[in-house]
Amino acid sequence: MIGEVDIYGVYLPAALVLMLVAYLFCLVVTRVFDRVGLYRFVWHRSIFDLAIYVIVLGVVVIVSHRLIP
């Protein structure tokens, strides 16, 4: 994986880009969980959301490493 991503002359750390992608996916997952009613079974929603974000971030990092040689 490269260390920086060039977006119109602005260099951003690759980790920041991956974190933004994971955040967008996490928003979708959170909305689905809310609509399904999963949060009725969760003790602390903020901690659960943080755990979901960390899991999604891990998946995004693993997928990005597999896609970018």
PDB file of N, CA and C in Angstrom:
ATOM      1  N   MET A   1       0.839  -1.170   0.000  1.00  0.00           N
ATOM      2  CA  MET A   1       0.000   0.000   0.000  1.00  0.00           C
ATOM      3  C   MET A   1       0.887   1.237   0.000  1.00  0.00           C
ATOM      4  N   ILE A   2       0.448   2.248  -0.704  1.00  0.00           N
ATOM      5  CA  ILE A   2       1.204   3.488  -0.756  1.00  0.00           C
ATOM      6  C   ILE A   2       0.941   4.301   0.499  1.00  0.00           C
ATOM      7  N   GLY A   3       1.838   5.225   0.804  1.00  0.00           N
ATOM      8  CA  GLY A   3       1.714   6.009   2.017  1.00  0.00           C
ATOM      9  C   GLY A   3       0.814   7.218   1.880  1.00  0.00           C
ATOM     10  N   GLU A   4       0.648   7.721   0.651  1.00  0.00           N
ATOM     11  CA  GLU A   4      -0.147   8.931   0.449  1.00  0.00           C
ATOM     12  C   GLU A   4      -1.015   8.776  -0.793  1.00  0.00           C
ATOM     13  N   VAL A   5      -2.132   9.495  -0.778  1.00  0.00           N
ATOM     14  CA  VAL A   5      -3.040   9.505  -1.914  1.00  0.00           C
ATOM     15  C   VAL A   5      -3.115  10.931  -2.430  1.00  0.00           C
ATOM     16  N   ASP A   6      -2.913  11.092  -3.735  1.00  0.00           N
ATOM     17  CA  ASP A   6      -2.943  12.419  -4.344  1.00  0.00           C
ATOM     18  C   ASP A   6      -4.344  12.702  -4.876  1.00  0.00           C
ATOM     19  N   ILE A   7      -5.002  13.716  -4.317  1.00  0.00           N
ATOM     20  CA  ILE A   7      -6.325  14.142  -4.777  1.00  0.00           C
ATOM     21  C   ILE A   7      -6.206  15.587  -5.226  1.00  0.00           C
ATOM     22  N   TYR A   8      -6.083  15.780  -6.543  1.00  0.00           N
ATOM     23  CA  TYR A   8      -5.961  17.107  -7.151  1.00  0.00           C
ATOM     24  C   TYR A   8      -4.830  17.931  -6.523  1.00  0.00           C
ATOM     25  N   GLY A   9      -3.706  17.312  -6.294  1.00  0.00           N
ATOM     26  CA  GLY A   9      -2.546  18.013  -5.773  1.00  0.00           C
ATOM     27  C   GLY A   9      -2.466  18.058  -4.256  1.00  0.00           C
ATOM     28  N   VAL A  10      -3.468  17.568  -3.579  1.00  0.00           N
ATOM     29  CA  VAL A  10      -3.464  17.525  -2.118  1.00  0.00           C
ATOM     30  C   VAL A  10      -3.146  16.095  -1.706  1.00  0.00           C
ATOM     31  N   TYR A  11      -2.076  15.951  -0.957  1.00  0.00           N
ATOM     32  CA  TYR A  11      -1.658  14.633  -0.511  1.00  0.00           C
ATOM     33  C   TYR A  11      -2.303  14.321   0.837  1.00  0.00           C
ATOM     34  N   LEU A  12      -3.039  13.214   0.854  1.00  0.00           N
ATOM     35  CA  LEU A  12      -3.691  12.758   2.073  1.00  0.00           C
ATOM     36  C   LEU A  12      -3.094  11.422   2.490  1.00  0.00           C
ATOM     37  N   PRO A  13      -2.950  11.209   3.790  1.00  0.00           N
ATOM     38  CA  PRO A  13      -2.468   9.898   4.229  1.00  0.00           C
ATOM     39  C   PRO A  13      -3.445   8.796   3.823  1.00  0.00           C
ATOM     40  N   ALA A  14      -2.920   7.670   3.449  1.00  0.00           N
ATOM     41  CA  ALA A  14      -3.774   6.562   3.017  1.00  0.00           C
ATOM     42  C   ALA A  14      -4.681   6.103   4.156  1.00  0.00           C
ATOM     43  N   ALA A  15      -4.189   6.179   5.377  1.00  0.00           N
ATOM     44  CA  ALA A  15      -5.004   5.776   6.522  1.00  0.00           C
ATOM     45  C   ALA A  15      -6.238   6.670   6.653  1.00  0.00           C
ATOM     46  N   LEU A  16      -6.093   7.963   6.367  1.00  0.00           N
ATOM     47  CA  LEU A  16      -7.229   8.873   6.441  1.00  0.00           C
ATOM     48  C   LEU A  16      -8.291   8.516   5.411  1.00  0.00           C
ATOM     49  N   VAL A  17      -7.864   8.187   4.222  1.00  0.00           N
ATOM     50  CA  VAL A  17      -8.805   7.807   3.170  1.00  0.00           C
ATOM     51  C   VAL A  17      -9.529   6.518   3.548  1.00  0.00           C
ATOM     52  N   LEU A  18      -8.789   5.543   4.081  1.00  0.00           N
ATOM     53  CA  LEU A  18      -9.411   4.295   4.509  1.00  0.00           C
ATOM     54  C   LEU A  18     -10.382   4.525   5.658  1.00  0.00           C
ATOM     55  N   MET A  19     -10.044   5.426   6.566  1.00  0.00           N
ATOM     56  CA  MET A  19     -10.934   5.725   7.677  1.00  0.00           C
ATOM     57  C   MET A  19     -12.215   6.408   7.208  1.00  0.00           C
ATOM     58  N   LEU A  20     -12.121   7.261   6.210  1.00  0.00           N
ATOM     59  CA  LEU A  20     -13.317   7.909   5.670  1.00  0.00           C
ATOM     60  C   LEU A  20     -14.216   6.902   4.959  1.00  0.00           C
ATOM     61  N   VAL A  21     -13.620   5.986   4.221  1.00  0.00           N
ATOM     62  CA  VAL A  21     -14.406   4.941   3.546  1.00  0.00           C
ATOM     63  C   VAL A  21     -15.093   4.057   4.587  1.00  0.00           C
ATOM     64  N   ALA A  22     -14.367   3.697   5.629  1.00  0.00           N
ATOM     65  CA  ALA A  22     -14.952   2.875   6.690  1.00  0.00           C
ATOM     66  C   ALA A  22     -16.070   3.621   7.405  1.00  0.00           C
ATOM     67  N   TYR A  23     -15.930   4.914   7.582  1.00  0.00           N
ATOM     68  CA  TYR A  23     -16.974   5.712   8.227  1.00  0.00           C
ATOM     69  C   TYR A  23     -18.247   5.715   7.385  1.00  0.00           C
ATOM     70  N   LEU A  24     -18.099   5.843   6.084  1.00  0.00           N
ATOM     71  CA  LEU A  24     -19.276   5.828   5.209  1.00  0.00           C
ATOM     72  C   LEU A  24     -19.974   4.475   5.249  1.00  0.00           C
ATOM     73  N   PHE A  25     -19.202   3.397   5.215  1.00  0.00           N
ATOM     74  CA  PHE A  25     -19.797   2.072   5.335  1.00  0.00           C
ATOM     75  C   PHE A  25     -20.447   1.890   6.696  1.00  0.00           C
ATOM     76  N   CYS A  26     -19.818   2.428   7.725  1.00  0.00           N
ATOM     77  CA  CYS A  26     -20.349   2.303   9.076  1.00  0.00           C
ATOM     78  C   CYS A  26     -21.676   3.047   9.212  1.00  0.00           C
ATOM     79  N   LEU A  27     -21.818   4.179   8.538  1.00  0.00           N
ATOM     80  CA  LEU A  27     -23.094   4.892   8.551  1.00  0.00           C
ATOM     81  C   LEU A  27     -24.207   4.024   7.968  1.00  0.00           C
ATOM     82  N   VAL A  28     -23.910   3.343   6.895  1.00  0.00           N
ATOM     83  CA  VAL A  28     -24.901   2.463   6.271  1.00  0.00           C
ATOM     84  C   VAL A  28     -25.258   1.313   7.205  1.00  0.00           C
ATOM     85  N   VAL A  29     -24.248   0.690   7.796  1.00  0.00           N
ATOM     86  CA  VAL A  29     -24.478  -0.437   8.696  1.00  0.00           C
ATOM     87  C   VAL A  29     -25.286   0.013   9.913  1.00  0.00           C
ATOM     88  N   THR A  30     -24.975   1.175  10.450  1.00  0.00           N
ATOM     89  CA  THR A  30     -25.694   1.698  11.612  1.00  0.00           C
ATOM     90  C   THR A  30     -27.162   1.965  11.279  1.00  0.00           C
ATOM     91  N   ARG A  31     -27.415   2.519  10.112  1.00  0.00           N
ATOM     92  CA  ARG A  31     -28.806   2.768   9.707  1.00  0.00           C
ATOM     93  C   ARG A  31     -29.573   1.456   9.537  1.00  0.00           C
ATOM     94  N   VAL A  32     -28.916   0.455   8.989  1.00  0.00           N
ATOM     95  CA  VAL A  32     -29.570  -0.853   8.826  1.00  0.00           C
ATOM     96  C   VAL A  32     -29.875  -1.460  10.189  1.00  0.00           C
ATOM     97  N   PHE A  33     -28.915  -1.402  11.108  1.00  0.00           N
ATOM     98  CA  PHE A  33     -29.142  -1.938  12.451  1.00  0.00           C
ATOM     99  C   PHE A  33     -30.264  -1.201  13.163  1.00  0.00           C
ATOM    100  N   ASP A  34     -30.342   0.099  12.966  1.00  0.00           N
ATOM    101  CA  ASP A  34     -31.394   0.888  13.597  1.00  0.00           C
ATOM    102  C   ASP A  34     -32.757   0.525  13.023  1.00  0.00           C
ATOM    103  N   ARG A  35     -32.825   0.352  11.713  1.00  0.00           N
ATOM    104  CA  ARG A  35     -34.098   0.023  11.060  1.00  0.00           C
ATOM    105  C   ARG A  35     -34.568  -1.382  11.427  1.00  0.00           C
ATOM    106  N   VAL A  36     -33.632  -2.307  11.556  1.00  0.00           N
ATOM    107  CA  VAL A  36     -33.976  -3.685  11.899  1.00  0.00           C
ATOM    108  C   VAL A  36     -34.384  -3.796  13.372  1.00  0.00           C
ATOM    109  N   GLY A  37     -33.871  -2.905  14.209  1.00  0.00           N
ATOM    110  CA  GLY A  37     -34.199  -2.946  15.631  1.00  0.00           C
ATOM    111  C   GLY A  37     -33.180  -3.692  16.466  1.00  0.00           C
ATOM    112  N   LEU A  38     -31.978  -3.805  15.971  1.00  0.00           N
ATOM    113  CA  LEU A  38     -30.927  -4.516  16.695  1.00  0.00           C
ATOM    114  C   LEU A  38     -30.509  -3.788  17.968  1.00  0.00           C
ATOM    115  N   TYR A  39     -30.641  -2.473  17.977  1.00  0.00           N
ATOM    116  CA  TYR A  39     -30.185  -1.690  19.129  1.00  0.00           C
ATOM    117  C   TYR A  39     -31.027  -1.929  20.382  1.00  0.00           C
ATOM    118  N   ARG A  40     -32.160  -2.619  20.253  1.00  0.00           N
ATOM    119  CA  ARG A  40     -32.941  -2.972  21.445  1.00  0.00           C
ATOM    120  C   ARG A  40     -32.180  -3.964  22.319  1.00  0.00           C
ATOM    121  N   PHE A  41     -31.284  -4.734  21.720  1.00  0.00           N
ATOM    122  CA  PHE A  41     -30.546  -5.760  22.439  1.00  0.00           C
ATOM    123  C   PHE A  41     -29.143  -5.311  22.848  1.00  0.00           C
ATOM    124  N   VAL A  42     -28.800  -4.057  22.585  1.00  0.00           N
ATOM    125  CA  VAL A  42     -27.455  -3.546  22.854  1.00  0.00           C
ATOM    126  C   VAL A  42     -27.479  -2.746  24.150  1.00  0.00           C
ATOM    127  N   TRP A  43     -26.492  -3.014  25.012  1.00  0.00           N
ATOM    128  CA  TRP A  43     -26.446  -2.337  26.297  1.00  0.00           C
ATOM    129  C   TRP A  43     -26.015  -0.877  26.158  1.00  0.00           C
ATOM    130  N   HIS A  44     -24.932  -0.630  25.426  1.00  0.00           N
ATOM    131  CA  HIS A  44     -24.390   0.728  25.292  1.00  0.00           C
ATOM    132  C   HIS A  44     -24.161   0.991  23.807  1.00  0.00           C
ATOM    133  N   ARG A  45     -25.017   1.816  23.228  1.00  0.00           N
ATOM    134  CA  ARG A  45     -25.001   2.005  21.774  1.00  0.00           C
ATOM    135  C   ARG A  45     -23.695   2.624  21.286  1.00  0.00           C
ATOM    136  N   SER A  46     -23.139   3.572  22.031  1.00  0.00           N
ATOM    137  CA  SER A  46     -21.907   4.234  21.583  1.00  0.00           C
ATOM    138  C   SER A  46     -20.734   3.260  21.504  1.00  0.00           C
ATOM    139  N   ILE A  47     -20.606   2.411  22.499  1.00  0.00           N
ATOM    140  CA  ILE A  47     -19.518   1.430  22.487  1.00  0.00           C
ATOM    141  C   ILE A  47     -19.742   0.416  21.363  1.00  0.00           C
ATOM    142  N   PHE A  48     -20.986   0.034  21.157  1.00  0.00           N
ATOM    143  CA  PHE A  48     -21.310  -0.891  20.076  1.00  0.00           C
ATOM    144  C   PHE A  48     -20.988  -0.277  18.723  1.00  0.00           C
ATOM    145  N   ASP A  49     -21.337   0.994  18.538  1.00  0.00           N
ATOM    146  CA  ASP A  49     -21.026   1.677  17.280  1.00  0.00           C
ATOM    147  C   ASP A  49     -19.524   1.790  17.058  1.00  0.00           C
ATOM    148  N   LEU A  50     -18.770   2.048  18.124  1.00  0.00           N
ATOM    149  CA  LEU A  50     -17.311   2.094  17.998  1.00  0.00           C
ATOM    150  C   LEU A  50     -16.758   0.735  17.594  1.00  0.00           C
ATOM    151  N   ALA A  51     -17.292  -0.321  18.177  1.00  0.00           N
ATOM    152  CA  ALA A  51     -16.831  -1.667  17.830  1.00  0.00           C
ATOM    153  C   ALA A  51     -17.160  -1.991  16.374  1.00  0.00           C
ATOM    154  N   ILE A  52     -18.342  -1.594  15.930  1.00  0.00           N
ATOM    155  CA  ILE A  52     -18.719  -1.814  14.533  1.00  0.00           C
ATOM    156  C   ILE A  52     -17.772  -1.050  13.608  1.00  0.00           C
ATOM    157  N   TYR A  53     -17.432   0.195  13.986  1.00  0.00           N
ATOM    158  CA  TYR A  53     -16.511   0.989  13.169  1.00  0.00           C
ATOM    159  C   TYR A  53     -15.136   0.321  13.080  1.00  0.00           C
ATOM    160  N   VAL A  54     -14.638  -0.180  14.184  1.00  0.00           N
ATOM    161  CA  VAL A  54     -13.321  -0.831  14.176  1.00  0.00           C
ATOM    162  C   VAL A  54     -13.345  -2.088  13.304  1.00  0.00           C
ATOM    163  N   ILE A  55     -14.436  -2.843  13.372  1.00  0.00           N
ATOM    164  CA  ILE A  55     -14.556  -4.042  12.546  1.00  0.00           C
ATOM    165  C   ILE A  55     -14.611  -3.662  11.066  1.00  0.00           C
ATOM    166  N   VAL A  56     -15.414  -2.660  10.731  1.00  0.00           N
ATOM    167  CA  VAL A  56     -15.533  -2.226   9.338  1.00  0.00           C
ATOM    168  C   VAL A  56     -14.206  -1.656   8.846  1.00  0.00           C
ATOM    169  N   LEU A  57     -13.507  -0.900   9.681  1.00  0.00           N
ATOM    170  CA  LEU A  57     -12.199  -0.370   9.301  1.00  0.00           C
ATOM    171  C   LEU A  57     -11.212  -1.502   9.025  1.00  0.00           C
ATOM    172  N   GLY A  58     -11.229  -2.529   9.847  1.00  0.00           N
ATOM    173  CA  GLY A  58     -10.362  -3.678   9.608  1.00  0.00           C
ATOM    174  C   GLY A  58     -10.658  -4.361   8.292  1.00  0.00           C
ATOM    175  N   VAL A  59     -11.945  -4.509   7.975  1.00  0.00           N
ATOM    176  CA  VAL A  59     -12.338  -5.133   6.711  1.00  0.00           C
ATOM    177  C   VAL A  59     -11.902  -4.266   5.533  1.00  0.00           C
ATOM    178  N   VAL A  60     -12.073  -2.954   5.648  1.00  0.00           N
ATOM    179  CA  VAL A  60     -11.677  -2.050   4.566  1.00  0.00           C
ATOM    180  C   VAL A  60     -10.158  -2.103   4.347  1.00  0.00           C
ATOM    181  N   VAL A  61      -9.400  -2.156   5.406  1.00  0.00           N
ATOM    182  CA  VAL A  61      -7.935  -2.227   5.283  1.00  0.00           C
ATOM    183  C   VAL A  61      -7.521  -3.541   4.630  1.00  0.00           C
ATOM    184  N   ILE A  62      -8.121  -4.639   5.050  1.00  0.00           N
ATOM    185  CA  ILE A  62      -7.777  -5.931   4.468  1.00  0.00           C
ATOM    186  C   ILE A  62      -8.142  -5.985   2.988  1.00  0.00           C
ATOM    187  N   VAL A  63      -9.320  -5.478   2.646  1.00  0.00           N
ATOM    188  CA  VAL A  63      -9.737  -5.469   1.244  1.00  0.00           C
ATOM    189  C   VAL A  63      -8.837  -4.565   0.415  1.00  0.00           C
ATOM    190  N   SER A  64      -8.448  -3.425   0.962  1.00  0.00           N
ATOM    191  CA  SER A  64      -7.573  -2.517   0.195  1.00  0.00           C
ATOM    192  C   SER A  64      -6.204  -3.130  -0.035  1.00  0.00           C
ATOM    193  N   HIS A  65      -5.710  -3.874   0.912  1.00  0.00           N
ATOM    194  CA  HIS A  65      -4.413  -4.540   0.723  1.00  0.00           C
ATOM    195  C   HIS A  65      -4.504  -5.634  -0.336  1.00  0.00           C
ATOM    196  N   ARG A  66      -5.653  -6.280  -0.417  1.00  0.00           N
ATOM    197  CA  ARG A  66      -5.812  -7.339  -1.420  1.00  0.00           C
ATOM    198  C   ARG A  66      -5.994  -6.737  -2.823  1.00  0.00           C
ATOM    199  N   LEU A  67      -6.648  -5.563  -2.918  1.00  0.00           N
ATOM    200  CA  LEU A  67      -6.923  -4.984  -4.227  1.00  0.00           C
ATOM    201  C   LEU A  67      -5.731  -4.226  -4.796  1.00  0.00           C
ATOM    202  N   ILE A  68      -4.953  -3.569  -3.933  1.00  0.00           N
ATOM    203  CA  ILE A  68      -3.805  -2.780  -4.389  1.00  0.00           C
ATOM    204  C   ILE A  68      -2.546  -3.613  -4.167  1.00  0.00           C
ATOM    205  N   PRO A  69      -1.868  -4.025  -5.231  1.00  0.00           N
ATOM    206  CA  PRO A  69      -0.672  -4.875  -5.071  1.00  0.00           C
ATOM    207  C   PRO A  69       0.513  -4.122  -4.515  1.00  0.00           C
TER     208      PRO A  69
END
